[in-house]
Amino acid sequence: AKDRQYNFDASRIVVAGASAGGHLALTTGMLKASD
């Protein structure tokens, strides 16, 4: 998002997934680096 190569807005990121992907969406969004 910093280099604007893909036109991402890093302040508005959503993580989504289904089944095991739903689990991974949850952990991706909920975790902190300290975990």
Full PDB file with SEQRES, HELIX, SHEET, SSBOND, CRYST1, ORIGX, SCALE, CONECT and MASTER records, all heavy atoms in Angstrom:
SEQRES   1 A   35  ALA LYS ASP ARG GLN TYR ASN PHE ASP ALA SER ARG ILE          
SEQRES   2 A   35  VAL VAL ALA GLY ALA SER ALA GLY GLY HIS LEU ALA LEU          
SEQRES   3 A   35  THR THR GLY MET LEU LYS ALA SER ASP                          
HELIX    1 AA1 ALA A   20  MET A   30  1                                  11    
CRYST1    1.000    1.000    1.000  90.00  90.00  90.00 P 1           1          
ORIGX1      1.000000  0.000000  0.000000        0.00000                         
ORIGX2      0.000000  1.000000  0.000000        0.00000                         
ORIGX3      0.000000  0.000000  1.000000        0.00000                         
SCALE1      1.000000  0.000000  0.000000        0.00000                         
SCALE2      0.000000  1.000000  0.000000        0.00000                         
SCALE3      0.000000  0.000000  1.000000        0.00000                         
ATOM      1  N   ALA A   1       0.834  -1.197   0.000  1.00  0.00           N  
ATOM      2  CA  ALA A   1       0.000   0.000   0.000  1.00  0.00           C  
ATOM      3  C   ALA A   1       0.873   1.252   0.000  1.00  0.00           C  
ATOM      4  O   ALA A   1       0.477   2.291  -0.531  1.00  0.00           O  
ATOM      5  CB  ALA A   1      -0.921   0.000   1.216  1.00  0.00           C  
ATOM      6  N   LYS A   2       2.060   1.137   0.541  1.00  0.00           N  
ATOM      7  CA  LYS A   2       2.950   2.297   0.621  1.00  0.00           C  
ATOM      8  C   LYS A   2       3.461   2.726  -0.744  1.00  0.00           C  
ATOM      9  O   LYS A   2       3.631   3.910  -0.998  1.00  0.00           O  
ATOM     10  CB  LYS A   2       4.129   1.973   1.540  1.00  0.00           C  
ATOM     11  CG  LYS A   2       3.737   1.698   2.987  1.00  0.00           C  
ATOM     12  CD  LYS A   2       4.949   1.281   3.817  1.00  0.00           C  
ATOM     13  CE  LYS A   2       4.562   0.961   5.241  1.00  0.00           C  
ATOM     14  NZ  LYS A   2       5.721   0.484   6.052  1.00  0.00           N  
ATOM     15  N   ASP A   3       3.711   1.755  -1.632  1.00  0.00           N  
ATOM     16  CA  ASP A   3       4.275   2.111  -2.934  1.00  0.00           C  
ATOM     17  C   ASP A   3       3.205   2.394  -3.991  1.00  0.00           C  
ATOM     18  O   ASP A   3       3.545   2.729  -5.136  1.00  0.00           O  
ATOM     19  CB  ASP A   3       5.242   1.032  -3.428  1.00  0.00           C  
ATOM     20  CG  ASP A   3       4.583  -0.336  -3.609  1.00  0.00           C  
ATOM     21  OD1 ASP A   3       3.345  -0.396  -3.804  1.00  0.00           O  
ATOM     22  OD2 ASP A   3       5.305  -1.347  -3.562  1.00  0.00           O  
ATOM     23  N   ARG A   4       1.927   2.247  -3.618  1.00  0.00           N  
ATOM     24  CA  ARG A   4       0.793   2.565  -4.504  1.00  0.00           C  
ATOM     25  C   ARG A   4       0.762   1.713  -5.775  1.00  0.00           C  
ATOM     26  O   ARG A   4       0.043   2.035  -6.720  1.00  0.00           O  
ATOM     27  CB  ARG A   4       0.800   4.056  -4.874  1.00  0.00           C  
ATOM     28  CG  ARG A   4       0.616   4.999  -3.707  1.00  0.00           C  
ATOM     29  CD  ARG A   4      -0.774   4.889  -3.104  1.00  0.00           C  
ATOM     30  NE  ARG A   4      -1.809   5.196  -4.088  1.00  0.00           N  
ATOM     31  CZ  ARG A   4      -2.224   6.434  -4.359  1.00  0.00           C  
ATOM     32  NH1 ARG A   4      -1.683   7.462  -3.728  1.00  0.00           N  
ATOM     33  NH2 ARG A   4      -3.176   6.636  -5.251  1.00  0.00           N  
ATOM     34  N   GLN A   5       1.531   0.630  -5.796  1.00  0.00           N  
ATOM     35  CA  GLN A   5       1.575  -0.197  -7.001  1.00  0.00           C  
ATOM     36  C   GLN A   5       0.213  -0.799  -7.335  1.00  0.00           C  
ATOM     37  O   GLN A   5      -0.144  -0.956  -8.505  1.00  0.00           O  
ATOM     38  CB  GLN A   5       2.618  -1.302  -6.822  1.00  0.00           C  
ATOM     39  CG  GLN A   5       2.792  -2.207  -8.032  1.00  0.00           C  
ATOM     40  CD  GLN A   5       3.881  -3.256  -7.815  1.00  0.00           C  
ATOM     41  OE1 GLN A   5       4.536  -3.287  -6.783  1.00  0.00           O  
ATOM     42  NE2 GLN A   5       4.053  -4.121  -8.799  1.00  0.00           N  
ATOM     43  N   TYR A   6      -0.541  -1.153  -6.296  1.00  0.00           N  
ATOM     44  CA  TYR A   6      -1.826  -1.801  -6.500  1.00  0.00           C  
ATOM     45  C   TYR A   6      -3.007  -0.930  -6.050  1.00  0.00           C  
ATOM     46  O   TYR A   6      -4.142  -1.393  -6.026  1.00  0.00           O  
ATOM     47  CB  TYR A   6      -1.861  -3.136  -5.758  1.00  0.00           C  
ATOM     48  CG  TYR A   6      -0.745  -4.076  -6.166  1.00  0.00           C  
ATOM     49  CD1 TYR A   6       0.335  -4.303  -5.316  1.00  0.00           C  
ATOM     50  CD2 TYR A   6      -0.764  -4.709  -7.395  1.00  0.00           C  
ATOM     51  CE1 TYR A   6       1.366  -5.161  -5.688  1.00  0.00           C  
ATOM     52  CE2 TYR A   6       0.254  -5.572  -7.778  1.00  0.00           C  
ATOM     53  CZ  TYR A   6       1.322  -5.788  -6.919  1.00  0.00           C  
ATOM     54  OH  TYR A   6       2.339  -6.635  -7.287  1.00  0.00           O  
ATOM     55  N   ASN A   7      -2.732   0.285  -5.659  1.00  0.00           N  
ATOM     56  CA  ASN A   7      -3.792   1.232  -5.293  1.00  0.00           C  
ATOM     57  C   ASN A   7      -4.536   0.816  -4.024  1.00  0.00           C  
ATOM     58  O   ASN A   7      -5.744   1.058  -3.884  1.00  0.00           O  
ATOM     59  CB  ASN A   7      -4.781   1.405  -6.452  1.00  0.00           C  
ATOM     60  CG  ASN A   7      -5.503   2.731  -6.419  1.00  0.00           C  
ATOM     61  OD1 ASN A   7      -4.915   3.749  -6.018  1.00  0.00           O  
ATOM     62  ND2 ASN A   7      -6.755   2.757  -6.823  1.00  0.00           N  
ATOM     63  N   PHE A   8      -3.829   0.181  -3.076  1.00  0.00           N  
ATOM     64  CA  PHE A   8      -4.438  -0.250  -1.826  1.00  0.00           C  
ATOM     65  C   PHE A   8      -4.508   0.897  -0.822  1.00  0.00           C  
ATOM     66  O   PHE A   8      -3.607   1.726  -0.751  1.00  0.00           O  
ATOM     67  CB  PHE A   8      -3.617  -1.371  -1.167  1.00  0.00           C  
ATOM     68  CG  PHE A   8      -3.549  -2.652  -1.943  1.00  0.00           C  
ATOM     69  CD1 PHE A   8      -2.453  -3.492  -1.783  1.00  0.00           C  
ATOM     70  CD2 PHE A   8      -4.561  -3.048  -2.801  1.00  0.00           C  
ATOM     71  CE1 PHE A   8      -2.360  -4.687  -2.474  1.00  0.00           C  
ATOM     72  CE2 PHE A   8      -4.482  -4.239  -3.501  1.00  0.00           C  
ATOM     73  CZ  PHE A   8      -3.381  -5.057  -3.335  1.00  0.00           C  
ATOM     74  N   ASP A   9      -5.551   0.892  -0.011  1.00  0.00           N  
ATOM     75  CA  ASP A   9      -5.663   1.787   1.140  1.00  0.00           C  
ATOM     76  C   ASP A   9      -5.423   0.952   2.394  1.00  0.00           C  
ATOM     77  O   ASP A   9      -6.286   0.180   2.822  1.00  0.00           O  
ATOM     78  CB  ASP A   9      -7.052   2.423   1.174  1.00  0.00           C  
ATOM     79  CG  ASP A   9      -7.217   3.424   2.313  1.00  0.00           C  
ATOM     80  OD1 ASP A   9      -6.348   3.474   3.197  1.00  0.00           O  
ATOM     81  OD2 ASP A   9      -8.226   4.153   2.315  1.00  0.00           O  
ATOM     82  N   ALA A  10      -4.249   1.097   2.985  1.00  0.00           N  
ATOM     83  CA  ALA A  10      -3.871   0.272   4.136  1.00  0.00           C  
ATOM     84  C   ALA A  10      -4.693   0.579   5.379  1.00  0.00           C  
ATOM     85  O   ALA A  10      -4.693  -0.203   6.329  1.00  0.00           O  
ATOM     86  CB  ALA A  10      -2.387   0.450   4.444  1.00  0.00           C  
ATOM     87  N   SER A  11      -5.398   1.686   5.398  1.00  0.00           N  
ATOM     88  CA  SER A  11      -6.229   2.027   6.548  1.00  0.00           C  
ATOM     89  C   SER A  11      -7.594   1.354   6.485  1.00  0.00           C  
ATOM     90  O   SER A  11      -8.385   1.471   7.420  1.00  0.00           O  
ATOM     91  CB  SER A  11      -6.413   3.544   6.644  1.00  0.00           C  
ATOM     92  OG  SER A  11      -7.214   4.027   5.578  1.00  0.00           O  
ATOM     93  N   ARG A  12      -7.875   0.657   5.377  1.00  0.00           N  
ATOM     94  CA  ARG A  12      -9.167  -0.019   5.215  1.00  0.00           C  
ATOM     95  C   ARG A  12      -8.939  -1.414   4.653  1.00  0.00           C  
ATOM     96  O   ARG A  12      -9.162  -1.683   3.483  1.00  0.00           O  
ATOM     97  CB  ARG A  12     -10.087   0.807   4.315  1.00  0.00           C  
ATOM     98  CG  ARG A  12     -10.494   2.145   4.914  1.00  0.00           C  
ATOM     99  CD  ARG A  12     -11.427   2.917   4.002  1.00  0.00           C  
ATOM    100  NE  ARG A  12     -10.744   3.386   2.810  1.00  0.00           N  
ATOM    101  CZ  ARG A  12     -11.381   3.936   1.775  1.00  0.00           C  
ATOM    102  NH1 ARG A  12     -12.694   4.041   1.780  1.00  0.00           N  
ATOM    103  NH2 ARG A  12     -10.701   4.364   0.726  1.00  0.00           N  
ATOM    104  N   ILE A  13      -8.475  -2.313   5.527  1.00  0.00           N  
ATOM    105  CA  ILE A  13      -8.207  -3.695   5.152  1.00  0.00           C  
ATOM    106  C   ILE A  13      -9.220  -4.610   5.833  1.00  0.00           C  
ATOM    107  O   ILE A  13      -9.427  -4.541   7.047  1.00  0.00           O  
ATOM    108  CB  ILE A  13      -6.780  -4.123   5.552  1.00  0.00           C  
ATOM    109  CG1 ILE A  13      -5.736  -3.288   4.799  1.00  0.00           C  
ATOM    110  CG2 ILE A  13      -6.562  -5.606   5.282  1.00  0.00           C  
ATOM    111  CD1 ILE A  13      -4.315  -3.573   5.222  1.00  0.00           C  
ATOM    112  N   VAL A  14      -9.843  -5.463   5.040  1.00  0.00           N  
ATOM    113  CA  VAL A  14     -10.779  -6.471   5.543  1.00  0.00           C  
ATOM    114  C   VAL A  14     -10.183  -7.844   5.256  1.00  0.00           C  
ATOM    115  O   VAL A  14      -9.590  -8.055   4.193  1.00  0.00           O  
ATOM    116  CB  VAL A  14     -12.145  -6.343   4.849  1.00  0.00           C  
ATOM    117  CG1 VAL A  14     -13.093  -7.463   5.286  1.00  0.00           C  
ATOM    118  CG2 VAL A  14     -12.755  -4.974   5.135  1.00  0.00           C  
ATOM    119  N   VAL A  15     -10.312  -8.765   6.191  1.00  0.00           N  
ATOM    120  CA  VAL A  15      -9.893 -10.149   5.967  1.00  0.00           C  
ATOM    121  C   VAL A  15     -11.135 -11.024   5.962  1.00  0.00           C  
ATOM    122  O   VAL A  15     -11.984 -10.925   6.852  1.00  0.00           O  
ATOM    123  CB  VAL A  15      -8.903 -10.644   7.034  1.00  0.00           C  
ATOM    124  CG1 VAL A  15      -8.328 -12.002   6.632  1.00  0.00           C  
ATOM    125  CG2 VAL A  15      -7.779  -9.648   7.251  1.00  0.00           C  
ATOM    126  N   ALA A  16     -11.267 -11.870   4.941  1.00  0.00           N  
ATOM    127  CA  ALA A  16     -12.444 -12.724   4.797  1.00  0.00           C  
ATOM    128  C   ALA A  16     -12.010 -14.129   4.408  1.00  0.00           C  
ATOM    129  O   ALA A  16     -10.956 -14.326   3.800  1.00  0.00           O  
ATOM    130  CB  ALA A  16     -13.392 -12.160   3.729  1.00  0.00           C  
ATOM    131  N   GLY A  17     -12.836 -15.107   4.750  1.00  0.00           N  
ATOM    132  CA  GLY A  17     -12.544 -16.482   4.368  1.00  0.00           C  
ATOM    133  C   GLY A  17     -13.668 -17.402   4.775  1.00  0.00           C  
ATOM    134  O   GLY A  17     -14.554 -17.030   5.558  1.00  0.00           O  
ATOM    135  N   ALA A  18     -13.635 -18.625   4.233  1.00  0.00           N  
ATOM    136  CA  ALA A  18     -14.697 -19.594   4.476  1.00  0.00           C  
ATOM    137  C   ALA A  18     -14.132 -20.869   5.071  1.00  0.00           C  
ATOM    138  O   ALA A  18     -13.086 -21.359   4.642  1.00  0.00           O  
ATOM    139  CB  ALA A  18     -15.428 -19.917   3.170  1.00  0.00           C  
ATOM    140  N   SER A  19     -14.823 -21.411   6.077  1.00  0.00           N  
ATOM    141  CA  SER A  19     -14.453 -22.669   6.712  1.00  0.00           C  
ATOM    142  C   SER A  19     -13.064 -22.536   7.349  1.00  0.00           C  
ATOM    143  O   SER A  19     -12.871 -21.661   8.195  1.00  0.00           O  
ATOM    144  CB  SER A  19     -14.530 -23.804   5.690  1.00  0.00           C  
ATOM    145  OG  SER A  19     -14.456 -25.056   6.309  1.00  0.00           O  
ATOM    146  N   ALA A  20     -12.098 -23.356   6.936  1.00  0.00           N  
ATOM    147  CA  ALA A  20     -10.741 -23.156   7.451  1.00  0.00           C  
ATOM    148  C   ALA A  20     -10.222 -21.774   7.074  1.00  0.00           C  
ATOM    149  O   ALA A  20      -9.444 -21.163   7.811  1.00  0.00           O  
ATOM    150  CB  ALA A  20      -9.806 -24.234   6.909  1.00  0.00           C  
ATOM    151  N   GLY A  21     -10.666 -21.268   5.927  1.00  0.00           N  
ATOM    152  CA  GLY A  21     -10.318 -19.904   5.551  1.00  0.00           C  
ATOM    153  C   GLY A  21     -10.953 -18.880   6.464  1.00  0.00           C  
ATOM    154  O   GLY A  21     -10.401 -17.800   6.700  1.00  0.00           O  
ATOM    155  N   GLY A  22     -12.152 -19.196   7.001  1.00  0.00           N  
ATOM    156  CA  GLY A  22     -12.765 -18.327   7.994  1.00  0.00           C  
ATOM    157  C   GLY A  22     -11.941 -18.298   9.264  1.00  0.00           C  
ATOM    158  O   GLY A  22     -11.729 -17.234   9.873  1.00  0.00           O  
ATOM    159  N   HIS A  23     -11.468 -19.469   9.689  1.00  0.00           N  
ATOM    160  CA  HIS A  23     -10.559 -19.529  10.846  1.00  0.00           C  
ATOM    161  C   HIS A  23      -9.328 -18.677  10.602  1.00  0.00           C  
ATOM    162  O   HIS A  23      -8.903 -17.893  11.459  1.00  0.00           O  
ATOM    163  CB  HIS A  23     -10.158 -20.981  11.112  1.00  0.00           C  
ATOM    164  CG  HIS A  23      -8.915 -21.120  11.938  1.00  0.00           C  
ATOM    165  ND1 HIS A  23      -7.665 -21.237  11.358  1.00  0.00           N  
ATOM    166  CD2 HIS A  23      -8.717 -21.131  13.287  1.00  0.00           C  
ATOM    167  CE1 HIS A  23      -6.754 -21.326  12.325  1.00  0.00           C  
ATOM    168  NE2 HIS A  23      -7.365 -21.267  13.495  1.00  0.00           N  
ATOM    169  N   LEU A  24      -8.725 -18.808   9.415  1.00  0.00           N  
ATOM    170  CA  LEU A  24      -7.503 -18.061   9.111  1.00  0.00           C  
ATOM    171  C   LEU A  24      -7.774 -16.569   8.963  1.00  0.00           C  
ATOM    172  O   LEU A  24      -6.912 -15.747   9.293  1.00  0.00           O  
ATOM    173  CB  LEU A  24      -6.853 -18.630   7.854  1.00  0.00           C  
ATOM    174  CG  LEU A  24      -6.292 -20.047   8.012  1.00  0.00           C  
ATOM    175  CD1 LEU A  24      -5.883 -20.613   6.652  1.00  0.00           C  
ATOM    176  CD2 LEU A  24      -5.104 -20.069   8.981  1.00  0.00           C  
ATOM    177  N   ALA A  25      -8.967 -16.214   8.482  1.00  0.00           N  
ATOM    178  CA  ALA A  25      -9.326 -14.798   8.447  1.00  0.00           C  
ATOM    179  C   ALA A  25      -9.388 -14.231   9.860  1.00  0.00           C  
ATOM    180  O   ALA A  25      -8.905 -13.120  10.128  1.00  0.00           O  
ATOM    181  CB  ALA A  25     -10.665 -14.611   7.728  1.00  0.00           C  
ATOM    182  N   LEU A  26      -9.960 -15.005  10.768  1.00  0.00           N  
ATOM    183  CA  LEU A  26     -10.049 -14.560  12.156  1.00  0.00           C  
ATOM    184  C   LEU A  26      -8.665 -14.399  12.778  1.00  0.00           C  
ATOM    185  O   LEU A  26      -8.362 -13.358  13.380  1.00  0.00           O  
ATOM    186  CB  LEU A  26     -10.889 -15.549  12.967  1.00  0.00           C  
ATOM    187  CG  LEU A  26     -12.387 -15.558  12.651  1.00  0.00           C  
ATOM    188  CD1 LEU A  26     -13.054 -16.792  13.249  1.00  0.00           C  
ATOM    189  CD2 LEU A  26     -13.060 -14.290  13.173  1.00  0.00           C  
ATOM    190  N   THR A  27      -7.828 -15.410  12.647  1.00  0.00           N  
ATOM    191  CA  THR A  27      -6.501 -15.291  13.269  1.00  0.00           C  
ATOM    192  C   THR A  27      -5.670 -14.196  12.598  1.00  0.00           C  
ATOM    193  O   THR A  27      -4.953 -13.464  13.279  1.00  0.00           O  
ATOM    194  CB  THR A  27      -5.755 -16.632  13.218  1.00  0.00           C  
ATOM    195  OG1 THR A  27      -5.730 -17.136  11.876  1.00  0.00           O  
ATOM    196  CG2 THR A  27      -6.397 -17.660  14.128  1.00  0.00           C  
ATOM    197  N   THR A  28      -5.790 -14.051  11.298  1.00  0.00           N  
ATOM    198  CA  THR A  28      -5.032 -13.009  10.604  1.00  0.00           C  
ATOM    199  C   THR A  28      -5.416 -11.639  11.128  1.00  0.00           C  
ATOM    200  O   THR A  28      -4.548 -10.773  11.353  1.00  0.00           O  
ATOM    201  CB  THR A  28      -5.289 -13.067   9.088  1.00  0.00           C  
ATOM    202  OG1 THR A  28      -4.875 -14.347   8.599  1.00  0.00           O  
ATOM    203  CG2 THR A  28      -4.505 -11.991   8.349  1.00  0.00           C  
ATOM    204  N   GLY A  29      -6.703 -11.416  11.358  1.00  0.00           N  
ATOM    205  CA  GLY A  29      -7.152 -10.111  11.808  1.00  0.00           C  
ATOM    206  C   GLY A  29      -7.018  -9.875  13.300  1.00  0.00           C  
ATOM    207  O   GLY A  29      -6.836  -8.740  13.739  1.00  0.00           O  
ATOM    208  N   MET A  30      -7.100 -10.942  14.095  1.00  0.00           N  
ATOM    209  CA  MET A  30      -7.123 -10.799  15.552  1.00  0.00           C  
ATOM    210  C   MET A  30      -5.738 -10.790  16.187  1.00  0.00           C  
ATOM    211  O   MET A  30      -5.538 -10.201  17.254  1.00  0.00           O  
ATOM    212  CB  MET A  30      -7.942 -11.938  16.162  1.00  0.00           C  
ATOM    213  CG  MET A  30      -9.404 -11.923  15.774  1.00  0.00           C  
ATOM    214  SD  MET A  30     -10.299 -13.436  16.264  1.00  0.00           S  
ATOM    215  CE  MET A  30     -10.420 -13.192  18.033  1.00  0.00           C  
ATOM    216  N   LEU A  31      -4.775 -11.464  15.563  1.00  0.00           N  
ATOM    217  CA  LEU A  31      -3.455 -11.601  16.171  1.00  0.00           C  
ATOM    218  C   LEU A  31      -2.684 -10.280  16.196  1.00  0.00           C  
ATOM    219  O   LEU A  31      -2.914  -9.391  15.381  1.00  0.00           O  
ATOM    220  CB  LEU A  31      -2.631 -12.646  15.410  1.00  0.00           C  
ATOM    221  CG  LEU A  31      -3.039 -14.111  15.604  1.00  0.00           C  
ATOM    222  CD1 LEU A  31      -2.335 -14.990  14.580  1.00  0.00           C  
ATOM    223  CD2 LEU A  31      -2.714 -14.576  17.018  1.00  0.00           C  
ATOM    224  N   LYS A  32      -1.746 -10.212  17.119  1.00  0.00           N  
ATOM    225  CA  LYS A  32      -0.762  -9.141  17.176  1.00  0.00           C  
ATOM    226  C   LYS A  32       0.624  -9.755  16.975  1.00  0.00           C  
ATOM    227  O   LYS A  32       0.822 -10.957  17.164  1.00  0.00           O  
ATOM    228  CB  LYS A  32      -0.813  -8.439  18.532  1.00  0.00           C  
ATOM    229  CG  LYS A  32      -2.142  -7.778  18.846  1.00  0.00           C  
ATOM    230  CD  LYS A  32      -2.108  -7.138  20.225  1.00  0.00           C  
ATOM    231  CE  LYS A  32      -3.434  -6.465  20.553  1.00  0.00           C  
ATOM    232  NZ  LYS A  32      -3.423  -5.869  21.906  1.00  0.00           N  
ATOM    233  N   ALA A  33       1.575  -8.924  16.600  1.00  0.00           N  
ATOM    234  CA  ALA A  33       2.936  -9.423  16.400  1.00  0.00           C  
ATOM    235  C   ALA A  33       3.470 -10.087  17.666  1.00  0.00           C  
ATOM    236  O   ALA A  33       4.215 -11.072  17.603  1.00  0.00           O  
ATOM    237  CB  ALA A  33       3.854  -8.294  15.956  1.00  0.00           C  
ATOM    238  N   SER A  34       3.076  -9.586  18.824  1.00  0.00           N  
ATOM    239  CA  SER A  34       3.557 -10.125  20.096  1.00  0.00           C  
ATOM    240  C   SER A  34       3.032 -11.523  20.384  1.00  0.00           C  
ATOM    241  O   SER A  34       3.524 -12.192  21.300  1.00  0.00           O  
ATOM    242  CB  SER A  34       3.176  -9.186  21.245  1.00  0.00           C  
ATOM    243  OG  SER A  34       1.768  -9.006  21.292  1.00  0.00           O  
ATOM    244  N   ASP A  35       2.061 -12.003  19.615  1.00  0.00           N  
ATOM    245  CA  ASP A  35       1.530 -13.351  19.831  1.00  0.00           C  
ATOM    246  C   ASP A  35       2.440 -14.435  19.276  1.00  0.00           C  
ATOM    247  O   ASP A  35       2.217 -15.625  19.528  1.00  0.00           O  
ATOM    248  CB  ASP A  35       0.141 -13.467  19.211  1.00  0.00           C  
ATOM    249  CG  ASP A  35      -0.880 -12.579  19.909  1.00  0.00           C  
ATOM    250  OD1 ASP A  35      -0.862 -12.519  21.148  1.00  0.00           O  
ATOM    251  OD2 ASP A  35      -1.686 -11.932  19.203  1.00  0.00           O  
TER     252      ASP A  35                                                      
MASTER        0    0    0    1    0    0    0    6  251    1    0    3          
END                                                                             
